[in-house]
PDB file of all heavy atoms in Angstrom:
ATOM      1  N   ALA A   1      26.807 -25.677  -4.511  1.00  0.00           N
ATOM      2  CA  ALA A   1      26.692 -26.440  -5.771  1.00  0.00           C
ATOM      3  C   ALA A   1      25.216 -26.437  -6.267  1.00  0.00           C
ATOM      4  O   ALA A   1      24.911 -26.171  -7.526  1.00  0.00           O
ATOM      5  CB  ALA A   1      27.238 -27.816  -5.664  1.00  0.00           C
ATOM      6  N   LYS A   2      24.294 -26.636  -5.328  1.00  0.00           N
ATOM      7  CA  LYS A   2      22.878 -26.606  -5.745  1.00  0.00           C
ATOM      8  C   LYS A   2      22.491 -25.254  -6.254  1.00  0.00           C
ATOM      9  O   LYS A   2      21.690 -25.117  -7.252  1.00  0.00           O
ATOM     10  CB  LYS A   2      22.006 -26.958  -4.489  1.00  0.00           C
ATOM     11  CG  LYS A   2      21.983 -28.438  -4.144  1.00  0.00           C
ATOM     12  CD  LYS A   2      21.214 -28.791  -2.968  1.00  0.00           C
ATOM     13  CE  LYS A   2      21.213 -30.162  -2.462  1.00  0.00           C
ATOM     14  NZ  LYS A   2      20.520 -30.423  -1.158  1.00  0.00           N
ATOM     15  N   ARG A   3      22.908 -24.263  -5.500  1.00  0.00           N
ATOM     16  CA  ARG A   3      22.585 -22.825  -5.979  1.00  0.00           C
ATOM     17  C   ARG A   3      23.171 -22.650  -7.383  1.00  0.00           C
ATOM     18  O   ARG A   3      22.446 -22.057  -8.169  1.00  0.00           O
ATOM     19  CB  ARG A   3      23.182 -21.839  -5.040  1.00  0.00           C
ATOM     20  CG  ARG A   3      22.187 -21.559  -3.808  1.00  0.00           C
ATOM     21  CD  ARG A   3      22.568 -20.355  -3.037  1.00  0.00           C
ATOM     22  NE  ARG A   3      23.933 -20.405  -2.490  1.00  0.00           N
ATOM     23  CZ  ARG A   3      24.193 -20.840  -1.280  1.00  0.00           C
ATOM     24  NH1 ARG A   3      23.219 -21.408  -0.483  1.00  0.00           N
ATOM     25  NH2 ARG A   3      25.411 -20.933  -0.776  1.00  0.00           N
ATOM     26  N   SER A   4      24.417 -23.044  -7.521  1.00  0.00           N
ATOM     27  CA  SER A   4      25.038 -22.762  -8.860  1.00  0.00           C
ATOM     28  C   SER A   4      24.227 -23.532  -9.903  1.00  0.00           C
ATOM     29  O   SER A   4      24.084 -23.007 -10.991  1.00  0.00           O
ATOM     30  CB  SER A   4      26.480 -23.204  -8.819  1.00  0.00           C
ATOM     31  OG  SER A   4      27.208 -22.518  -7.955  1.00  0.00           O
ATOM     32  N   GLU A   5      23.826 -24.757  -9.687  1.00  0.00           N
ATOM     33  CA  GLU A   5      23.096 -25.519 -10.641  1.00  0.00           C
ATOM     34  C   GLU A   5      21.713 -24.830 -10.878  1.00  0.00           C
ATOM     35  O   GLU A   5      21.372 -24.805 -12.157  1.00  0.00           O
ATOM     36  CB  GLU A   5      22.867 -26.950 -10.114  1.00  0.00           C
ATOM     37  CG  GLU A   5      22.172 -27.879 -11.087  1.00  0.00           C
ATOM     38  CD  GLU A   5      22.927 -28.213 -12.254  1.00  0.00           C
ATOM     39  OE1 GLU A   5      24.133 -27.935 -12.310  1.00  0.00           O
ATOM     40  OE2 GLU A   5      22.324 -28.698 -13.184  1.00  0.00           O
ATOM     41  N   SER A   6      21.071 -24.421  -9.895  1.00  0.00           N
ATOM     42  CA  SER A   6      19.860 -23.752 -10.172  1.00  0.00           C
ATOM     43  C   SER A   6      19.946 -22.480 -11.010  1.00  0.00           C
ATOM     44  O   SER A   6      19.206 -22.143 -11.867  1.00  0.00           O
ATOM     45  CB  SER A   6      19.029 -23.449  -8.943  1.00  0.00           C
ATOM     46  OG  SER A   6      19.640 -22.542  -8.083  1.00  0.00           O
ATOM     47  N   VAL A   7      21.043 -21.740 -10.709  1.00  0.00           N
ATOM     48  CA  VAL A   7      21.274 -20.567 -11.527  1.00  0.00           C
ATOM     49  C   VAL A   7      21.602 -20.900 -12.885  1.00  0.00           C
ATOM     50  O   VAL A   7      21.160 -20.173 -13.892  1.00  0.00           O
ATOM     51  CB  VAL A   7      22.446 -19.694 -10.931  1.00  0.00           C
ATOM     52  CG1 VAL A   7      23.029 -18.608 -11.853  1.00  0.00           C
ATOM     53  CG2 VAL A   7      22.055 -19.107  -9.586  1.00  0.00           C
ATOM     54  N   ARG A   8      22.458 -21.893 -13.144  1.00  0.00           N
ATOM     55  CA  ARG A   8      22.744 -22.438 -14.491  1.00  0.00           C
ATOM     56  C   ARG A   8      21.472 -22.808 -15.333  1.00  0.00           C
ATOM     57  O   ARG A   8      21.255 -22.441 -16.364  1.00  0.00           O
ATOM     58  CB  ARG A   8      23.693 -23.515 -14.406  1.00  0.00           C
ATOM     59  CG  ARG A   8      24.205 -23.907 -15.851  1.00  0.00           C
ATOM     60  CD  ARG A   8      25.140 -25.188 -15.729  1.00  0.00           C
ATOM     61  NE  ARG A   8      24.422 -26.270 -15.261  1.00  0.00           N
ATOM     62  CZ  ARG A   8      23.462 -27.150 -15.884  1.00  0.00           C
ATOM     63  NH1 ARG A   8      23.343 -26.827 -17.177  1.00  0.00           N
ATOM     64  NH2 ARG A   8      22.948 -28.096 -15.352  1.00  0.00           N
ATOM     65  N   ILE A   9      20.642 -23.575 -14.541  1.00  0.00           N
ATOM     66  CA  ILE A   9      19.352 -24.103 -15.324  1.00  0.00           C
ATOM     67  C   ILE A   9      18.531 -22.772 -15.636  1.00  0.00           C
ATOM     68  O   ILE A   9      17.962 -22.749 -16.675  1.00  0.00           O
ATOM     69  CB  ILE A   9      18.611 -25.013 -14.212  1.00  0.00           C
ATOM     70  CG1 ILE A   9      19.412 -26.379 -14.235  1.00  0.00           C
ATOM     71  CG2 ILE A   9      17.297 -25.257 -14.849  1.00  0.00           C
ATOM     72  CD1 ILE A   9      18.902 -27.292 -13.272  1.00  0.00           C
ATOM     73  N   LEU A  10      18.339 -21.879 -14.692  1.00  0.00           N
ATOM     74  CA  LEU A  10      17.627 -20.678 -15.053  1.00  0.00           C
ATOM     75  C   LEU A  10      18.128 -19.937 -16.144  1.00  0.00           C
ATOM     76  O   LEU A  10      17.353 -19.513 -17.093  1.00  0.00           O
ATOM     77  CB  LEU A  10      17.551 -19.758 -13.757  1.00  0.00           C
ATOM     78  CG  LEU A  10      16.712 -18.545 -13.868  1.00  0.00           C
ATOM     79  CD1 LEU A  10      15.295 -18.834 -14.151  1.00  0.00           C
ATOM     80  CD2 LEU A  10      16.878 -17.752 -12.577  1.00  0.00           C
ATOM     81  N   PHE A  11      19.422 -19.757 -16.214  1.00  0.00           N
ATOM     82  CA  PHE A  11      20.094 -19.103 -17.351  1.00  0.00           C
ATOM     83  C   PHE A  11      19.754 -19.877 -18.646  1.00  0.00           C
ATOM     84  O   PHE A  11      19.426 -19.323 -19.648  1.00  0.00           O
ATOM     85  CB  PHE A  11      21.603 -19.039 -17.091  1.00  0.00           C
ATOM     86  CG  PHE A  11      22.294 -18.535 -18.306  1.00  0.00           C
ATOM     87  CD1 PHE A  11      22.357 -17.142 -18.623  1.00  0.00           C
ATOM     88  CD2 PHE A  11      23.039 -19.434 -19.058  1.00  0.00           C
ATOM     89  CE1 PHE A  11      22.917 -16.660 -19.738  1.00  0.00           C
ATOM     90  CE2 PHE A  11      23.649 -18.951 -20.253  1.00  0.00           C
ATOM     91  CZ  PHE A  11      23.677 -17.592 -20.587  1.00  0.00           C
ATOM     92  N   GLU A  12      19.950 -21.218 -18.642  1.00  0.00           N
ATOM     93  CA  GLU A  12      19.739 -21.932 -19.824  1.00  0.00           C
ATOM     94  C   GLU A  12      18.217 -21.868 -20.319  1.00  0.00           C
ATOM     95  O   GLU A  12      18.001 -21.754 -21.527  1.00  0.00           O
ATOM     96  CB  GLU A  12      20.029 -23.425 -19.651  1.00  0.00           C
ATOM     97  CG  GLU A  12      21.529 -23.534 -19.534  1.00  0.00           C
ATOM     98  CD  GLU A  12      21.907 -25.081 -19.231  1.00  0.00           C
ATOM     99  OE1 GLU A  12      21.005 -25.816 -18.880  1.00  0.00           O
ATOM    100  OE2 GLU A  12      23.112 -25.360 -19.351  1.00  0.00           O
ATOM    101  N   GLU A  13      17.291 -21.811 -19.311  1.00  0.00           N
ATOM    102  CA  GLU A  13      15.843 -21.610 -19.682  1.00  0.00           C
ATOM    103  C   GLU A  13      15.564 -20.250 -20.320  1.00  0.00           C
ATOM    104  O   GLU A  13      14.957 -20.299 -21.351  1.00  0.00           O
ATOM    105  CB  GLU A  13      14.994 -21.818 -18.477  1.00  0.00           C
ATOM    106  CG  GLU A  13      14.906 -23.275 -18.003  1.00  0.00           C
ATOM    107  CD  GLU A  13      14.121 -23.431 -16.709  1.00  0.00           C
ATOM    108  OE1 GLU A  13      13.802 -22.431 -16.092  1.00  0.00           O
ATOM    109  OE2 GLU A  13      13.939 -24.518 -16.219  1.00  0.00           O
ATOM    110  N   ARG A  14      16.159 -19.271 -19.769  1.00  0.00           N
ATOM    111  CA  ARG A  14      15.998 -17.875 -20.275  1.00  0.00           C
ATOM    112  C   ARG A  14      16.657 -17.713 -21.693  1.00  0.00           C
ATOM    113  O   ARG A  14      16.062 -17.164 -22.549  1.00  0.00           O
ATOM    114  CB  ARG A  14      16.529 -16.846 -19.354  1.00  0.00           C
ATOM    115  CG  ARG A  14      15.724 -16.864 -18.090  1.00  0.00           C
ATOM    116  CD  ARG A  14      16.303 -15.731 -17.233  1.00  0.00           C
ATOM    117  NE  ARG A  14      15.548 -15.515 -15.973  1.00  0.00           N
ATOM    118  CZ  ARG A  14      15.867 -14.732 -14.969  1.00  0.00           C
ATOM    119  NH1 ARG A  14      17.084 -14.211 -14.963  1.00  0.00           N
ATOM    120  NH2 ARG A  14      15.094 -14.630 -13.987  1.00  0.00           N
ATOM    121  N   GLU A  15      17.739 -18.395 -21.832  1.00  0.00           N
ATOM    122  CA  GLU A  15      18.487 -18.329 -23.034  1.00  0.00           C
ATOM    123  C   GLU A  15      17.704 -19.153 -24.207  1.00  0.00           C
ATOM    124  O   GLU A  15      17.581 -18.667 -25.313  1.00  0.00           O
ATOM    125  CB  GLU A  15      19.868 -19.063 -22.992  1.00  0.00           C
ATOM    126  CG  GLU A  15      20.711 -18.852 -24.246  1.00  0.00           C
ATOM    127  CD  GLU A  15      22.037 -19.566 -24.138  1.00  0.00           C
ATOM    128  OE1 GLU A  15      22.179 -20.562 -23.369  1.00  0.00           O
ATOM    129  OE2 GLU A  15      23.046 -19.083 -24.673  1.00  0.00           O
ATOM    130  N   ARG A  16      17.130 -20.297 -23.795  1.00  0.00           N
ATOM    131  CA  ARG A  16      16.279 -21.063 -24.772  1.00  0.00           C
ATOM    132  C   ARG A  16      14.980 -20.215 -25.145  1.00  0.00           C
ATOM    133  O   ARG A  16      14.658 -20.114 -26.256  1.00  0.00           O
ATOM    134  CB  ARG A  16      15.827 -22.344 -24.067  1.00  0.00           C
ATOM    135  CG  ARG A  16      15.452 -23.406 -24.941  1.00  0.00           C
ATOM    136  CD  ARG A  16      15.089 -24.794 -24.264  1.00  0.00           C
ATOM    137  NE  ARG A  16      16.128 -25.209 -23.394  1.00  0.00           N
ATOM    138  CZ  ARG A  16      15.994 -25.360 -22.134  1.00  0.00           C
ATOM    139  NH1 ARG A  16      14.890 -25.025 -21.446  1.00  0.00           N
ATOM    140  NH2 ARG A  16      16.903 -25.627 -21.223  1.00  0.00           N
ATOM    141  N   ASP A  17      14.365 -19.545 -24.128  1.00  0.00           N
ATOM    142  CA  ASP A  17      13.182 -18.724 -24.435  1.00  0.00           C
ATOM    143  C   ASP A  17      13.631 -17.622 -25.403  1.00  0.00           C
ATOM    144  O   ASP A  17      12.811 -17.244 -26.309  1.00  0.00           O
ATOM    145  CB  ASP A  17      12.664 -18.167 -23.110  1.00  0.00           C
ATOM    146  CG  ASP A  17      11.893 -19.313 -22.232  1.00  0.00           C
ATOM    147  OD1 ASP A  17      11.733 -20.348 -22.776  1.00  0.00           O
ATOM    148  OD2 ASP A  17      11.699 -19.001 -21.058  1.00  0.00           O
ATOM    149  N   TRP A  18      14.754 -16.956 -25.093  1.00  0.00           N
ATOM    150  CA  TRP A  18      15.232 -15.780 -25.937  1.00  0.00           C
ATOM    151  C   TRP A  18      15.442 -16.316 -27.457  1.00  0.00           C
ATOM    152  O   TRP A  18      15.005 -15.621 -28.343  1.00  0.00           O
ATOM    153  CB  TRP A  18      16.421 -15.183 -25.374  1.00  0.00           C
ATOM    154  CG  TRP A  18      16.929 -14.107 -26.082  1.00  0.00           C
ATOM    155  CD1 TRP A  18      16.446 -12.803 -26.019  1.00  0.00           C
ATOM    156  CD2 TRP A  18      18.007 -14.058 -27.149  1.00  0.00           C
ATOM    157  NE1 TRP A  18      17.138 -11.955 -26.875  1.00  0.00           N
ATOM    158  CE2 TRP A  18      18.099 -12.708 -27.488  1.00  0.00           C
ATOM    159  CE3 TRP A  18      18.713 -14.999 -27.733  1.00  0.00           C
ATOM    160  CZ2 TRP A  18      18.953 -12.340 -28.542  1.00  0.00           C
ATOM    161  CZ3 TRP A  18      19.654 -14.594 -28.682  1.00  0.00           C
ATOM    162  CH2 TRP A  18      19.759 -13.414 -29.176  1.00  0.00           C
ATOM    163  N   ILE A  19      16.162 -17.479 -27.529  1.00  0.00           N
ATOM    164  CA  ILE A  19      16.408 -17.992 -28.870  1.00  0.00           C
ATOM    165  C   ILE A  19      14.974 -18.385 -29.560  1.00  0.00           C
ATOM    166  O   ILE A  19      14.908 -17.996 -30.739  1.00  0.00           O
ATOM    167  CB  ILE A  19      17.279 -19.220 -28.775  1.00  0.00           C
ATOM    168  CG1 ILE A  19      18.651 -18.859 -28.336  1.00  0.00           C
ATOM    169  CG2 ILE A  19      17.359 -19.970 -30.171  1.00  0.00           C
ATOM    170  CD1 ILE A  19      19.679 -19.979 -28.029  1.00  0.00           C
ATOM    171  N   GLU A  20      14.146 -18.913 -28.808  1.00  0.00           N
ATOM    172  CA  GLU A  20      12.857 -19.163 -29.421  1.00  0.00           C
ATOM    173  C   GLU A  20      12.153 -17.891 -29.922  1.00  0.00           C
ATOM    174  O   GLU A  20      11.552 -17.900 -31.009  1.00  0.00           O
ATOM    175  CB  GLU A  20      12.042 -19.999 -28.477  1.00  0.00           C
ATOM    176  CG  GLU A  20      10.622 -20.477 -29.018  1.00  0.00           C
ATOM    177  CD  GLU A  20       9.860 -21.235 -27.994  1.00  0.00           C
ATOM    178  OE1 GLU A  20      10.523 -22.116 -27.270  1.00  0.00           O
ATOM    179  OE2 GLU A  20       8.666 -21.083 -27.869  1.00  0.00           O
ATOM    180  N   ALA A  21      12.182 -16.892 -29.030  1.00  0.00           N
ATOM    181  CA  ALA A  21      11.619 -15.609 -29.475  1.00  0.00           C
ATOM    182  C   ALA A  21      12.237 -14.983 -30.627  1.00  0.00           C
ATOM    183  O   ALA A  21      11.435 -14.519 -31.584  1.00  0.00           O
ATOM    184  CB  ALA A  21      11.602 -14.638 -28.242  1.00  0.00           C
ATOM    185  N   MET A  22      13.536 -15.054 -30.794  1.00  0.00           N
ATOM    186  CA  MET A  22      14.185 -14.681 -31.928  1.00  0.00           C
ATOM    187  C   MET A  22      13.822 -15.401 -33.190  1.00  0.00           C
ATOM    188  O   MET A  22      13.638 -14.836 -34.380  1.00  0.00           O
ATOM    189  CB  MET A  22      15.705 -14.656 -31.747  1.00  0.00           C
ATOM    190  CG  MET A  22      16.277 -13.667 -30.667  1.00  0.00           C
ATOM    191  SD  MET A  22      15.927 -11.935 -31.141  1.00  0.00           S
ATOM    192  CE  MET A  22      14.653 -11.621 -29.855  1.00  0.00           C
ATOM    193  N   GLU A  23      13.711 -16.654 -33.064  1.00  0.00           N
ATOM    194  CA  GLU A  23      13.265 -17.527 -34.165  1.00  0.00           C
ATOM    195  C   GLU A  23      11.845 -17.162 -34.749  1.00  0.00           C
ATOM    196  O   GLU A  23      11.637 -17.070 -35.869  1.00  0.00           O
ATOM    197  CB  GLU A  23      13.322 -19.106 -33.882  1.00  0.00           C
ATOM    198  CG  GLU A  23      14.877 -19.510 -33.816  1.00  0.00           C
ATOM    199  CD  GLU A  23      14.865 -20.928 -33.222  1.00  0.00           C
ATOM    200  OE1 GLU A  23      13.831 -21.517 -32.724  1.00  0.00           O
ATOM    201  OE2 GLU A  23      16.123 -21.433 -33.268  1.00  0.00           O
ATOM    202  N   ILE A  24      11.013 -16.940 -33.778  1.00  0.00           N
ATOM    203  CA  ILE A  24       9.557 -16.467 -34.095  1.00  0.00           C
ATOM    204  C   ILE A  24       9.593 -15.189 -34.837  1.00  0.00           C
ATOM    205  O   ILE A  24       9.042 -15.011 -35.853  1.00  0.00           O
ATOM    206  CB  ILE A  24       8.738 -16.490 -32.810  1.00  0.00           C
ATOM    207  CG1 ILE A  24       8.512 -17.882 -32.300  1.00  0.00           C
ATOM    208  CG2 ILE A  24       7.456 -15.751 -33.083  1.00  0.00           C
ATOM    209  CD1 ILE A  24       7.855 -17.877 -30.917  1.00  0.00           C
ATOM    210  N   ARG A  25      10.429 -14.207 -34.237  1.00  0.00           N
ATOM    211  CA  ARG A  25      10.567 -12.911 -34.883  1.00  0.00           C
ATOM    212  C   ARG A  25      11.107 -13.028 -36.349  1.00  0.00           C
ATOM    213  O   ARG A  25      10.602 -12.443 -37.292  1.00  0.00           O
ATOM    214  CB  ARG A  25      11.379 -11.988 -34.147  1.00  0.00           C
ATOM    215  CG  ARG A  25      10.737 -11.424 -32.906  1.00  0.00           C
ATOM    216  CD  ARG A  25      11.689 -10.540 -32.098  1.00  0.00           C
ATOM    217  NE  ARG A  25      12.016  -9.339 -32.844  1.00  0.00           N
ATOM    218  CZ  ARG A  25      12.881  -8.470 -32.377  1.00  0.00           C
ATOM    219  NH1 ARG A  25      13.455  -8.659 -31.212  1.00  0.00           N
ATOM    220  NH2 ARG A  25      13.133  -7.357 -33.076  1.00  0.00           N
ATOM    221  N   LYS A  26      12.090 -13.951 -36.535  1.00  0.00           N
ATOM    222  CA  LYS A  26      12.661 -14.141 -37.855  1.00  0.00           C
ATOM    223  C   LYS A  26      11.663 -14.671 -38.728  1.00  0.00           C
ATOM    224  O   LYS A  26      11.532 -14.311 -39.974  1.00  0.00           O
ATOM    225  CB  LYS A  26      13.865 -15.053 -37.616  1.00  0.00           C
ATOM    226  CG  LYS A  26      14.611 -15.177 -38.958  1.00  0.00           C
ATOM    227  CD  LYS A  26      15.969 -16.121 -38.757  1.00  0.00           C
ATOM    228  CE  LYS A  26      16.509 -16.408 -40.177  1.00  0.00           C
ATOM    229  NZ  LYS A  26      17.703 -17.264 -39.914  1.00  0.00           N
TER     230      LYS A  26
END
């Protein structure tokens, strides 16, 4: 469960960074 949670958090952080980068490009 801890591993799954850390993977989920990492995914969400990367997704947030990607969305932010796309907004900056826009």
